[in-house]
Amino acid sequence: MMLIFVFILASTADRIAAYVGSDIILESEIAENMSFLQNDRATQEMFKSAEELREYVLDQLISQRLVMVEAENESITVTDEEVETRVDKRIEEIKGRYPSEADFFEDLKNNGVTLEELKKYNMDNLRSELTMQRLVQKKLASKVSLSPIAIRRFYDENKDSIAISPDRVKLSHILLAIQASENELRKGFEEAAEVYRLLYTGGDFSVIAQEFSDDANSKYKGGMLGKIKRGETLEEFEAAIFQLKPGVVSQPFLTRTGYHIVEVLNKASDWVLARQILIKVNVTRADTLRYENLAKTLQELVKQHVDFDSLASYYSVDPNIDIGEYYVNQLTTPIDSIVMDLKEGELSDPMLTPYGYHQIYVRERIPGRIMTFEELREQIADYLYSQELQNSYAEMIEDLKTRVFVKKFSNQKNNTN
């Protein structure tokens, strides 16, 4: 289920990898692009070595630069606003592949990728994609034509592979955040209240954060979290901090990670600049067992036909109960094996994650079938049309290489060669 990104910085001094006209491509740019591809299954199957992947990425970057050169010649432009809108949509699509928003941010954190780095990667690629699309539309689209006979023939020749619609499932979930015992919560609140008293009586926020905060990432920066945009943090934390006025220190409030004291330094409608002091609340093995037993109780209640939506609305800390609809054969580990054993209307065994217990609910199973030509006619036409465009695009790139200076260096060479 998880979409893992591993961000690797170039380990050697930056070198020129290629010239494209008056532009250059650096090894660091290749390394950055490789890092976002190397954990992809299809990439691993396609390339047997890092050098093969490097060559592929370099060729793609060269093609992008050539497209930019030709787009400039054709007066084709793409605005920042157009790209940003599509980047936001793509990030939301990526988030939607995770059981919850918290899992998405945990996965980024575990793999050393910030949301800004992920956005920049998608920003650069989407700008190139949009530019290429407009260039292709202007120069090549009108030259491509398809006959109805070709579309029908493609269906008849490939029906056994393209017309099979696999089984699908509609999935929902419950996320139980493991909360500490009442005694631990009380101790945590008392400590947070004492820290708040120090601030209220004139204590310096930065100094007190360094002394008392349990947030290792911000503690030694005086509690500074930086600019936080909507959708970038835990739902309950976001809801609290976006209500604060600049310059006002919040009273302690509880989330699944502990008690927070937050000061918003500046804000707009879609972001806040904030710093915090976090007092973590200790979760014991007994707390974990308590929520595991609750999850098993919910599983039994669903078996007894108690309404799932009512249970999820009451118990789940993630307000987004529905995960979405998926092809069964495209589910990834461990969701695939979990869903395989569940019937429609069943709730899975609890699965422990960094943010609590997850349970998957199969809302509906949709059997696979053979799709008719009429159902696939438009998709086939689009596919064949795109194939013709790709061929024309490849020919255009080869033609551009004859008209624009391009020189590649091997990974061992440097820019003095």
Protein backbone atom coordinates (compact mmCIF):
# COMPACT_ATOMS: atom_id res chain seq x y z
CA MET A 1 0.00 0.00 0.00
CA MET A 2 2.76 2.34 0.85
CA LEU A 3 4.32 4.48 -1.81
CA ILE A 4 7.92 4.73 -0.59
CA PHE A 5 10.24 7.52 -1.62
CA VAL A 6 13.95 7.34 -0.69
CA PHE A 7 15.77 10.62 -1.19
CA ILE A 8 19.49 10.13 -1.85
CA LEU A 9 21.84 13.10 -2.12
CA ALA A 10 24.69 13.00 -4.59
CA SER A 11 27.69 11.57 -2.77
CA THR A 12 30.29 12.99 -5.11
CA ALA A 13 31.17 16.53 -6.11
CA ASP A 14 28.60 17.88 -8.57
CA ARG A 15 29.61 17.40 -12.19
CA ILE A 16 28.19 18.24 -15.57
CA ALA A 17 26.43 15.20 -17.01
CA ALA A 18 25.36 16.71 -20.32
CA TYR A 19 25.14 19.85 -22.43
CA VAL A 20 21.87 20.61 -24.22
CA GLY A 21 22.25 23.76 -26.28
CA SER A 22 23.33 26.47 -23.84
CA ASP A 23 21.90 24.54 -20.86
CA ILE A 24 23.57 21.94 -18.63
CA ILE A 25 22.38 18.88 -16.71
CA LEU A 26 24.17 18.16 -13.43
CA GLU A 27 24.83 14.79 -11.79
CA SER A 28 22.93 16.00 -8.71
CA GLU A 29 19.80 16.45 -10.84
CA ILE A 30 20.17 12.90 -12.14
CA ALA A 31 20.69 11.58 -8.59
CA GLU A 32 17.59 13.37 -7.33
CA ASN A 33 15.43 11.96 -10.11
CA MET A 34 16.90 8.46 -9.63
CA SER A 35 16.05 8.57 -5.93
CA PHE A 36 12.36 9.02 -6.67
CA LEU A 37 12.34 6.08 -9.08
CA GLN A 38 14.59 3.44 -7.55
CA ASN A 39 12.02 1.90 -5.17
CA ASP A 40 9.38 1.62 -7.87
CA ARG A 41 8.71 -2.02 -8.79
CA ALA A 42 8.48 -1.35 -12.50
CA THR A 43 11.79 0.52 -12.37
CA GLN A 44 13.47 -2.37 -10.56
CA GLU A 45 12.24 -4.82 -13.19
CA MET A 46 13.25 -2.59 -16.10
CA PHE A 47 16.77 -1.69 -15.00
CA LYS A 48 19.30 -4.20 -13.71
CA SER A 49 21.87 -1.67 -12.48
CA ALA A 50 22.15 1.87 -11.20
CA GLU A 51 24.10 2.83 -14.32
CA GLU A 52 21.26 1.67 -16.59
CA LEU A 53 18.81 3.72 -14.53
CA ARG A 54 21.16 6.72 -14.69
CA GLU A 55 21.30 6.51 -18.49
CA TYR A 56 17.50 6.35 -18.68
CA VAL A 57 17.07 9.36 -16.38
CA LEU A 58 19.71 11.34 -18.28
CA ASP A 59 18.01 10.62 -21.61
CA GLN A 60 14.68 11.76 -20.15
CA LEU A 61 16.24 14.98 -18.84
CA ILE A 62 17.85 15.62 -22.23
CA SER A 63 14.47 15.14 -23.92
CA GLN A 64 12.89 17.56 -21.43
CA ARG A 65 15.53 20.20 -22.17
CA LEU A 66 15.04 19.74 -25.93
CA VAL A 67 11.30 20.15 -25.50
CA MET A 68 11.89 23.37 -23.54
CA VAL A 69 14.13 24.69 -26.33
CA GLU A 70 11.53 23.93 -28.99
CA ALA A 71 8.70 25.24 -26.81
CA GLU A 72 10.53 28.54 -26.49
CA ASN A 73 10.96 28.66 -30.27
CA GLU A 74 7.21 28.04 -30.62
CA SER A 75 6.33 30.65 -27.92
CA ILE A 76 4.73 27.98 -25.69
CA THR A 77 4.58 28.84 -21.98
CA VAL A 78 3.26 27.20 -18.79
CA THR A 79 2.43 29.38 -15.77
CA ASP A 80 3.35 28.61 -12.16
CA GLU A 81 -0.34 28.67 -11.22
CA GLU A 82 -1.16 25.93 -13.73
CA VAL A 83 1.62 23.71 -12.41
CA GLU A 84 0.86 24.34 -8.72
CA THR A 85 -2.80 23.37 -9.16
CA ARG A 86 -1.82 20.05 -10.72
CA VAL A 87 0.89 19.40 -8.13
CA ASP A 88 -1.61 19.86 -5.28
CA LYS A 89 -3.97 17.44 -7.00
CA ARG A 90 -1.20 14.86 -7.50
CA ILE A 91 -0.11 15.10 -3.85
CA GLU A 92 -3.71 14.51 -2.77
CA GLU A 93 -3.86 11.45 -5.04
CA ILE A 94 -0.70 10.08 -3.41
CA LYS A 95 -2.14 10.71 0.07
CA GLY A 96 -5.27 8.84 -0.97
CA ARG A 97 -3.26 5.63 -1.42
CA TYR A 98 -2.52 5.52 2.31
CA PRO A 99 -4.88 4.35 5.06
CA SER A 100 -4.69 7.82 6.60
CA GLU A 101 -2.96 11.16 6.21
CA ALA A 102 -0.87 10.36 9.26
CA ASP A 103 0.53 7.25 7.55
CA PHE A 104 1.47 9.35 4.52
CA PHE A 105 3.50 11.81 6.61
CA GLU A 106 5.03 9.00 8.67
CA ASP A 107 6.18 7.29 5.46
CA LEU A 108 7.78 10.50 4.18
CA LYS A 109 9.50 11.05 7.53
CA ASN A 110 10.80 7.48 7.73
CA ASN A 111 12.37 7.81 4.29
CA GLY A 112 13.92 11.23 4.79
CA VAL A 113 11.68 13.08 2.32
CA THR A 114 9.98 16.36 3.13
CA LEU A 115 6.69 17.39 1.58
CA GLU A 116 8.47 20.32 -0.06
CA GLU A 117 10.96 17.95 -1.73
CA LEU A 118 8.12 15.77 -2.98
CA LYS A 119 6.30 18.84 -4.31
CA LYS A 120 9.42 20.18 -6.03
CA TYR A 121 10.00 16.83 -7.76
CA ASN A 122 6.41 16.81 -9.03
CA MET A 123 6.56 20.52 -9.90
CA ASP A 124 9.55 20.05 -12.20
CA ASN A 125 8.09 16.98 -13.86
CA LEU A 126 4.61 18.42 -14.33
CA ARG A 127 6.00 21.59 -15.86
CA SER A 128 7.85 19.47 -18.42
CA GLU A 129 4.76 17.31 -19.00
CA LEU A 130 2.49 20.30 -19.62
CA THR A 131 5.02 21.93 -21.92
CA MET A 132 5.43 18.70 -23.87
CA GLN A 133 1.65 18.25 -24.15
CA ARG A 134 1.20 21.72 -25.59
CA LEU A 135 4.10 21.33 -27.97
CA VAL A 136 2.77 17.98 -29.19
CA GLN A 137 -0.74 19.40 -29.53
CA LYS A 138 0.55 22.32 -31.58
CA LYS A 139 2.96 20.48 -33.86
CA LEU A 140 1.87 16.84 -34.02
CA ALA A 141 -1.75 16.22 -32.98
CA SER A 142 -3.32 17.34 -36.25
CA LYS A 143 -1.16 14.88 -38.21
CA VAL A 144 -2.47 11.77 -36.40
CA SER A 145 -5.53 9.93 -37.74
CA LEU A 146 -7.20 6.60 -36.86
CA SER A 147 -9.70 4.49 -38.80
CA PRO A 148 -12.67 2.66 -37.15
CA ILE A 149 -11.35 -0.56 -38.73
CA ALA A 150 -8.02 -0.21 -36.92
CA ILE A 151 -9.80 0.30 -33.59
CA ARG A 152 -12.00 -2.78 -34.06
CA ARG A 153 -9.07 -4.89 -35.20
CA PHE A 154 -7.10 -3.94 -32.10
CA TYR A 155 -9.99 -5.07 -29.87
CA ASP A 156 -10.39 -8.40 -31.66
CA GLU A 157 -6.65 -9.15 -31.57
CA ASN A 158 -6.19 -8.18 -27.91
CA LYS A 159 -9.55 -8.98 -26.32
CA ASP A 160 -8.17 -11.76 -24.11
CA SER A 161 -5.82 -9.32 -22.39
CA ILE A 162 -7.42 -5.88 -22.58
CA ALA A 163 -11.13 -6.69 -22.17
CA ILE A 164 -10.87 -8.47 -18.83
CA SER A 165 -12.04 -6.25 -15.99
CA PRO A 166 -10.48 -7.68 -12.77
CA ASP A 167 -12.27 -8.05 -9.46
CA ARG A 168 -12.60 -4.79 -7.55
CA VAL A 169 -13.23 -3.90 -3.93
CA LYS A 170 -14.53 -0.83 -2.15
CA LEU A 171 -12.62 -0.42 1.10
CA SER A 172 -13.14 1.54 4.28
CA HIS A 173 -11.25 1.50 7.55
CA ILE A 174 -11.13 2.26 11.26
CA LEU A 175 -8.05 3.83 12.86
CA LEU A 176 -7.81 3.51 16.64
CA ALA A 177 -5.16 5.85 18.03
CA ILE A 178 -3.65 4.28 21.14
CA GLN A 179 -4.26 6.68 24.01
CA ALA A 180 -2.47 6.57 27.34
CA SER A 181 -4.25 5.69 30.56
CA GLU A 182 -6.13 8.33 32.51
CA ASN A 183 -3.30 8.43 35.03
CA GLU A 184 -0.65 9.06 32.33
CA LEU A 185 -2.85 11.65 30.63
CA ARG A 186 -3.26 13.46 33.95
CA LYS A 187 0.52 13.43 34.56
CA GLY A 188 1.13 14.71 31.04
CA PHE A 189 -1.43 17.48 31.46
CA GLU A 190 0.03 18.53 34.79
CA GLU A 191 3.50 18.83 33.21
CA ALA A 192 2.09 20.75 30.23
CA ALA A 193 0.16 23.04 32.58
CA GLU A 194 3.35 23.79 34.52
CA VAL A 195 5.19 24.63 31.27
CA TYR A 196 2.27 26.85 30.25
CA ARG A 197 2.48 28.63 33.62
CA LEU A 198 6.16 29.40 32.99
CA LEU A 199 5.27 30.91 29.61
CA TYR A 200 2.30 32.81 31.05
CA THR A 201 4.52 34.42 33.68
CA GLY A 202 6.95 35.75 31.07
CA GLY A 203 9.22 32.82 30.24
CA ASP A 204 10.99 32.83 26.89
CA PHE A 205 9.28 30.37 24.54
CA SER A 206 12.49 29.37 22.77
CA VAL A 207 14.39 28.70 25.99
CA ILE A 208 11.54 26.75 27.58
CA ALA A 209 11.07 24.68 24.41
CA GLN A 210 14.73 23.66 24.47
CA GLU A 211 14.40 22.69 28.13
CA PHE A 212 11.05 20.88 28.21
CA SER A 213 9.84 19.92 24.71
CA ASP A 214 9.79 16.23 23.76
CA ASP A 215 9.74 16.99 20.02
CA ALA A 216 13.25 16.03 18.92
CA ASN A 217 12.83 17.71 15.51
CA SER A 218 12.01 21.20 16.84
CA LYS A 219 13.31 21.17 20.43
CA TYR A 220 16.77 22.56 19.65
CA LYS A 221 15.35 25.12 17.25
CA GLY A 222 13.42 26.76 20.04
CA GLY A 223 10.33 24.76 19.11
CA MET A 224 10.20 26.22 15.59
CA LEU A 225 8.07 24.13 13.22
CA GLY A 226 8.32 26.50 10.27
CA LYS A 227 5.52 27.18 7.81
CA ILE A 228 2.76 24.56 7.94
CA LYS A 229 0.24 24.40 5.08
CA ARG A 230 -3.23 22.91 5.36
CA GLY A 231 -3.12 19.15 4.81
CA GLU A 232 0.52 18.79 5.88
CA THR A 233 0.04 17.64 9.46
CA LEU A 234 -2.23 15.61 11.75
CA GLU A 235 -5.88 16.55 11.38
CA GLU A 236 -6.46 17.34 15.06
CA PHE A 237 -3.25 19.39 15.29
CA GLU A 238 -4.17 21.36 12.18
CA ALA A 239 -7.67 22.06 13.47
CA ALA A 240 -6.25 23.56 16.66
CA ILE A 241 -3.41 25.69 15.28
CA PHE A 242 -5.39 27.26 12.44
CA GLN A 243 -7.79 28.70 15.02
CA LEU A 244 -5.00 30.54 16.84
CA LYS A 245 -4.26 34.22 16.35
CA PRO A 246 -0.66 35.37 15.72
CA GLY A 247 1.23 36.12 18.93
CA VAL A 248 -1.12 34.15 21.17
CA VAL A 249 0.23 31.09 23.01
CA SER A 250 -2.31 28.28 23.13
CA GLN A 251 -3.30 26.48 26.27
CA PRO A 252 -2.19 22.81 26.28
CA PHE A 253 -4.26 20.68 23.90
CA LEU A 254 -4.16 16.93 23.32
CA THR A 255 -3.50 15.01 20.10
CA ARG A 256 -2.50 11.39 19.55
CA THR A 257 1.17 12.37 20.10
CA GLY A 258 0.72 14.21 23.41
CA TYR A 259 0.01 17.69 24.79
CA HIS A 260 0.95 20.68 22.62
CA ILE A 261 1.53 24.31 23.50
CA VAL A 262 1.68 26.30 20.27
CA GLU A 263 2.40 29.89 19.33
CA VAL A 264 1.45 31.03 15.84
CA LEU A 265 3.90 33.70 14.70
CA ASN A 266 2.25 34.52 11.38
CA LYS A 267 -0.56 33.08 9.27
CA ALA A 268 -2.57 33.25 6.07
CA SER A 269 -5.71 31.45 4.98
CA ASP A 270 -3.82 28.29 3.97
CA TRP A 271 -0.68 28.32 6.18
CA VAL A 272 0.66 29.18 9.62
CA LEU A 273 4.19 29.87 10.87
CA ALA A 274 4.34 28.24 14.29
CA ARG A 275 6.48 26.90 17.09
CA GLN A 276 5.53 24.39 19.73
CA ILE A 277 6.38 22.67 22.99
CA LEU A 278 5.35 19.00 23.00
CA ILE A 279 4.84 17.01 26.17
CA LYS A 280 4.57 13.36 25.17
CA VAL A 281 2.32 11.05 27.13
CA ASN A 282 3.73 7.61 27.82
CA VAL A 283 1.80 4.74 26.24
CA THR A 284 2.28 1.42 28.01
CA ARG A 285 1.88 -2.16 26.87
CA ALA A 286 -1.38 -2.24 28.83
CA ASP A 287 -2.67 0.70 26.76
CA THR A 288 -1.77 -1.13 23.54
CA LEU A 289 -3.57 -4.27 24.70
CA ARG A 290 -6.62 -2.23 25.68
CA TYR A 291 -6.98 -0.84 22.17
CA GLU A 292 -6.22 -4.21 20.58
CA ASN A 293 -9.12 -5.66 22.60
CA LEU A 294 -11.34 -2.74 21.51
CA ALA A 295 -10.46 -3.48 17.87
CA LYS A 296 -11.39 -7.14 18.33
CA THR A 297 -14.66 -6.09 19.95
CA LEU A 298 -15.46 -3.90 16.95
CA GLN A 299 -14.70 -6.84 14.68
CA GLU A 300 -17.18 -8.99 16.60
CA LEU A 301 -19.83 -6.25 16.53
CA VAL A 302 -19.55 -6.04 12.74
CA LYS A 303 -19.96 -9.83 12.56
CA GLN A 304 -23.17 -9.36 14.54
CA HIS A 305 -24.34 -6.90 11.86
CA VAL A 306 -23.89 -3.73 13.90
CA ASP A 307 -23.67 -0.82 11.43
CA PHE A 308 -20.03 -0.30 10.42
CA ASP A 309 -20.42 3.39 9.57
CA SER A 310 -21.80 4.12 13.04
CA LEU A 311 -18.91 2.30 14.70
CA ALA A 312 -16.30 3.96 12.49
CA SER A 313 -17.78 7.43 12.99
CA TYR A 314 -17.67 6.98 16.75
CA TYR A 315 -14.34 5.21 17.25
CA SER A 316 -12.06 6.06 14.33
CA VAL A 317 -9.75 9.06 14.75
CA ASP A 318 -9.56 9.41 10.96
CA PRO A 319 -12.71 11.19 9.73
CA ASN A 320 -12.08 9.84 6.21
CA ILE A 321 -13.63 6.41 6.69
CA ASP A 322 -13.77 5.41 3.02
CA ILE A 323 -10.38 4.54 1.51
CA GLY A 324 -11.60 4.06 -2.05
CA GLU A 325 -12.21 1.51 -4.82
CA TYR A 326 -9.33 -0.70 -6.01
CA TYR A 327 -8.60 -3.54 -8.38
CA VAL A 328 -7.84 -6.55 -6.21
CA ASN A 329 -4.78 -7.50 -8.26
CA GLN A 330 -3.29 -4.03 -7.75
CA LEU A 331 -3.39 -4.00 -3.96
CA THR A 332 0.04 -4.09 -2.36
CA THR A 333 1.41 -5.75 0.77
CA PRO A 334 0.01 -6.15 3.41
CA ILE A 335 -3.42 -4.94 2.26
CA ASP A 336 -3.64 -7.54 -0.53
CA SER A 337 -3.43 -10.53 1.82
CA ILE A 338 -5.78 -8.91 4.33
CA VAL A 339 -8.44 -8.17 1.72
CA MET A 340 -8.06 -11.61 0.13
CA ASP A 341 -9.32 -13.28 3.32
CA LEU A 342 -12.25 -10.91 3.88
CA LYS A 343 -15.78 -11.32 2.61
CA GLU A 344 -18.03 -8.42 1.75
CA GLY A 345 -19.17 -6.74 4.98
CA GLU A 346 -16.32 -8.11 7.10
CA LEU A 347 -13.84 -6.17 9.24
CA SER A 348 -10.22 -7.33 9.39
CA ASP A 349 -8.10 -8.27 12.37
CA PRO A 350 -6.39 -5.23 13.91
CA MET A 351 -3.08 -4.23 12.29
CA LEU A 352 -0.64 -2.24 14.46
CA THR A 353 0.91 0.85 12.80
CA PRO A 354 2.91 3.79 14.21
CA TYR A 355 -0.35 5.70 14.72
CA GLY A 356 -2.47 2.95 16.22
CA TYR A 357 -4.54 -0.02 15.13
CA HIS A 358 -5.92 -0.14 11.58
CA GLN A 359 -8.80 -2.36 10.52
CA ILE A 360 -9.86 -2.77 6.89
CA TYR A 361 -13.53 -3.14 6.01
CA VAL A 362 -14.69 -4.59 2.68
CA ARG A 363 -17.70 -2.50 1.80
CA GLU A 364 -18.34 -4.14 -1.57
CA ARG A 365 -16.81 -6.75 -3.88
CA ILE A 366 -17.35 -6.22 -7.61
CA PRO A 367 -16.73 -9.36 -9.72
CA GLY A 368 -14.56 -9.21 -12.84
CA ARG A 369 -16.02 -9.63 -16.34
CA ILE A 370 -15.29 -9.37 -20.09
CA MET A 371 -15.92 -5.85 -21.39
CA THR A 372 -17.58 -5.35 -24.80
CA PHE A 373 -16.10 -3.52 -27.77
CA GLU A 374 -18.58 -0.67 -27.31
CA GLU A 375 -17.41 -0.20 -23.72
CA LEU A 376 -13.77 -0.08 -24.78
CA ARG A 377 -14.06 1.70 -28.13
CA GLU A 378 -13.18 5.14 -26.75
CA GLN A 379 -10.34 3.85 -24.57
CA ILE A 380 -8.82 1.92 -27.48
CA ALA A 381 -9.06 4.96 -29.72
CA ASP A 382 -7.35 7.07 -27.05
CA TYR A 383 -4.63 4.44 -26.59
CA LEU A 384 -3.91 4.10 -30.31
CA TYR A 385 -3.97 7.86 -30.71
CA SER A 386 -1.47 8.26 -27.83
CA GLN A 387 0.77 5.58 -29.35
CA GLU A 388 0.85 7.45 -32.64
CA LEU A 389 1.59 10.67 -30.78
CA GLN A 390 4.43 8.99 -28.85
CA ASN A 391 5.95 7.77 -32.10
CA SER A 392 5.70 11.24 -33.58
CA TYR A 393 7.15 12.71 -30.38
CA ALA A 394 10.13 10.31 -30.50
CA GLU A 395 10.76 11.31 -34.11
CA MET A 396 10.58 14.99 -33.11
CA ILE A 397 13.16 14.44 -30.31
CA GLU A 398 15.53 12.71 -32.73
CA ASP A 399 15.09 15.58 -35.17
CA LEU A 400 15.80 18.13 -32.41
CA LYS A 401 19.02 16.29 -31.54
CA THR A 402 20.24 16.99 -35.07
CA ARG A 403 19.48 20.70 -34.70
CA VAL A 404 20.43 21.36 -31.03
CA PHE A 405 23.90 20.68 -29.62
CA VAL A 406 23.79 17.68 -27.24
CA LYS A 407 26.78 16.10 -25.51
CA LYS A 408 26.65 13.45 -22.78
CA PHE A 409 29.38 12.53 -20.31
CA SER A 410 29.76 9.16 -18.63
CA ASN A 411 29.47 9.01 -14.87
CA GLN A 412 33.26 8.70 -14.54
CA LYS A 413 34.04 11.76 -16.63
CA ASN A 414 34.09 15.29 -15.35
CA ASN A 415 33.47 18.59 -17.01
CA THR A 416 37.10 19.03 -17.96
CA ASN A 417 36.92 16.25 -20.58
